[in-house]
Amino acid sequence: MSDITPAKVALEARDIARAATSKIEAHEDLCATRYANIEKQLARFEGIFKWAGTTLFVLIVGMLGWSLKQQISANDAMREALAARVELIERLSARESAERPAPDQQQQQPATQPSAPAPR
């Protein structure tokens, strides 16, 4: 007869199943460790991205604020320059008005005869 008996087959199958179960459990432990490391790295990256996003937001808001301040300063300088020009024009206009006789005084002055042309 043969050396293979149902009891031997059952024992060998049991040993193979135990070895496979042991390998599967070791693999699951290794995968659990790997997944834990991946989750730690993802959490670290999440923190980095939050910091970068916040920093970028603050930078953009700061740049917009600075740009607005520069625009306001430029507008103030332009307004002051235009106000100075208006004041100068008003002073010149007032001086010209003071030097020019009033319209009713111009009518009272006798008209002068135009001089004869100079001989050639």
Protein backbone atom coordinates (compact mmCIF):
# COMPACT_ATOMS: atom_id res chain seq x y z
CA MET A 1 0.00 0.00 0.00
CA SER A 2 0.92 3.58 -0.22
CA ASP A 3 2.38 5.78 2.53
CA ILE A 4 -0.29 8.40 1.96
CA THR A 5 -3.04 8.16 4.44
CA PRO A 6 -5.93 10.49 4.99
CA ALA A 7 -4.55 11.42 8.42
CA LYS A 8 -1.16 12.37 6.93
CA VAL A 9 -2.85 14.46 4.22
CA ALA A 10 -4.96 16.20 6.86
CA LEU A 11 -1.89 16.93 9.02
CA GLU A 12 0.09 18.21 6.05
CA ALA A 13 -2.84 20.41 4.94
CA ARG A 14 -3.16 21.74 8.49
CA ASP A 15 0.58 22.63 8.57
CA ILE A 16 0.36 24.33 5.17
CA ALA A 17 -2.70 26.32 6.32
CA ARG A 18 -0.93 27.36 9.54
CA ALA A 19 2.16 28.48 7.58
CA ALA A 20 0.00 30.43 5.15
CA THR A 21 -1.94 32.02 8.02
CA SER A 22 1.33 32.96 9.71
CA LYS A 23 2.64 34.54 6.50
CA ILE A 24 -0.62 36.43 6.00
CA GLU A 25 -0.54 37.74 9.58
CA ALA A 26 3.10 38.86 9.16
CA HIS A 27 2.15 40.58 5.90
CA GLU A 28 -0.80 42.31 7.60
CA ASP A 29 1.49 43.55 10.39
CA LEU A 30 3.99 44.87 7.84
CA CYS A 31 1.22 46.60 5.89
CA ALA A 32 -0.22 48.11 9.08
CA THR A 33 3.24 49.55 9.90
CA ARG A 34 3.60 50.90 6.36
CA TYR A 35 0.15 52.46 6.41
CA ALA A 36 0.88 54.07 9.79
CA ASN A 37 4.06 55.61 8.34
CA ILE A 38 2.16 56.79 5.26
CA GLU A 39 -0.49 58.40 7.47
CA LYS A 40 2.22 60.17 9.50
CA GLN A 41 3.82 61.51 6.33
CA LEU A 42 0.45 62.63 4.97
CA ALA A 43 -0.30 64.41 8.23
CA ARG A 44 3.10 66.13 8.03
CA PHE A 45 2.46 67.17 4.42
CA GLU A 46 -0.98 68.41 5.40
CA GLY A 47 0.63 70.61 8.04
CA ILE A 48 3.16 71.90 5.53
CA PHE A 49 0.44 72.70 2.99
CA LYS A 50 -1.67 74.46 5.64
CA TRP A 51 1.35 76.56 6.63
CA ALA A 52 2.19 77.31 2.99
CA GLY A 53 -1.42 78.24 2.21
CA THR A 54 -1.67 80.52 5.23
CA THR A 55 1.67 82.12 4.42
CA LEU A 56 0.66 82.65 0.80
CA PHE A 57 -2.65 84.18 1.87
CA VAL A 58 -0.94 86.55 4.30
CA LEU A 59 1.61 87.46 1.64
CA ILE A 60 -1.08 88.24 -0.94
CA VAL A 61 -3.10 90.31 1.53
CA GLY A 62 0.07 92.14 2.58
CA MET A 63 1.02 92.87 -1.02
CA LEU A 64 -2.48 94.14 -1.76
CA GLY A 65 -2.33 96.37 1.31
CA TRP A 66 1.07 97.72 0.34
CA SER A 67 -0.10 98.33 -3.22
CA LEU A 68 -3.18 100.15 -1.96
CA LYS A 69 -1.02 102.32 0.32
CA GLN A 70 1.27 103.17 -2.60
CA GLN A 71 -1.72 104.11 -4.75
CA ILE A 72 -3.19 106.29 -2.01
CA SER A 73 0.18 108.00 -1.49
CA ALA A 74 0.53 108.61 -5.24
CA ASN A 75 -3.01 110.01 -5.38
CA ASP A 76 -2.28 112.31 -2.43
CA ALA A 77 0.90 113.56 -4.08
CA MET A 78 -0.93 114.14 -7.36
CA ARG A 79 -3.74 115.94 -5.56
CA GLU A 80 -1.24 118.21 -3.78
CA ALA A 81 0.55 118.96 -7.05
CA LEU A 82 -2.75 119.78 -8.78
CA ALA A 83 -3.83 121.94 -5.83
CA ALA A 84 -0.54 123.86 -6.10
CA ARG A 85 -1.12 124.37 -9.83
CA VAL A 86 -4.68 125.58 -9.25
CA GLU A 87 -3.43 127.99 -6.59
CA LEU A 88 -0.75 129.32 -8.98
CA ILE A 89 -3.30 129.77 -11.77
CA GLU A 90 -5.66 131.58 -9.38
CA ARG A 91 -2.85 133.91 -8.23
CA LEU A 92 -1.83 134.65 -11.84
CA SER A 93 -5.43 135.25 -12.81
CA ALA A 94 -5.93 137.59 -9.86
CA ARG A 95 -2.74 139.52 -10.75
CA GLU A 96 -3.85 139.86 -14.38
CA SER A 97 -7.28 141.03 -13.24
CA ALA A 98 -5.70 143.64 -10.98
CA GLU A 99 -3.44 144.92 -13.77
CA ARG A 100 -6.17 145.06 -16.42
CA PRO A 101 -8.55 148.05 -16.18
CA ALA A 102 -12.18 147.35 -15.59
CA PRO A 103 -14.37 147.21 -18.73
CA ASP A 104 -16.19 150.46 -17.83
CA GLN A 105 -12.81 152.25 -17.48
CA GLN A 106 -11.78 151.09 -20.95
CA GLN A 107 -14.82 152.77 -22.52
CA GLN A 108 -14.11 156.11 -20.82
CA GLN A 109 -10.55 156.43 -22.14
CA PRO A 110 -10.31 158.30 -25.45
CA ALA A 111 -9.36 156.23 -28.38
CA THR A 112 -5.90 156.98 -29.64
CA GLN A 113 -5.23 157.58 -33.27
CA PRO A 114 -3.12 154.94 -34.82
CA SER A 115 0.26 156.32 -35.69
CA ALA A 116 1.26 156.71 -39.28
CA PRO A 117 3.40 153.98 -40.65
CA ALA A 118 7.10 154.60 -40.47
CA PRO A 119 8.76 155.69 -43.74
CA ARG A 120 10.67 153.10 -45.53
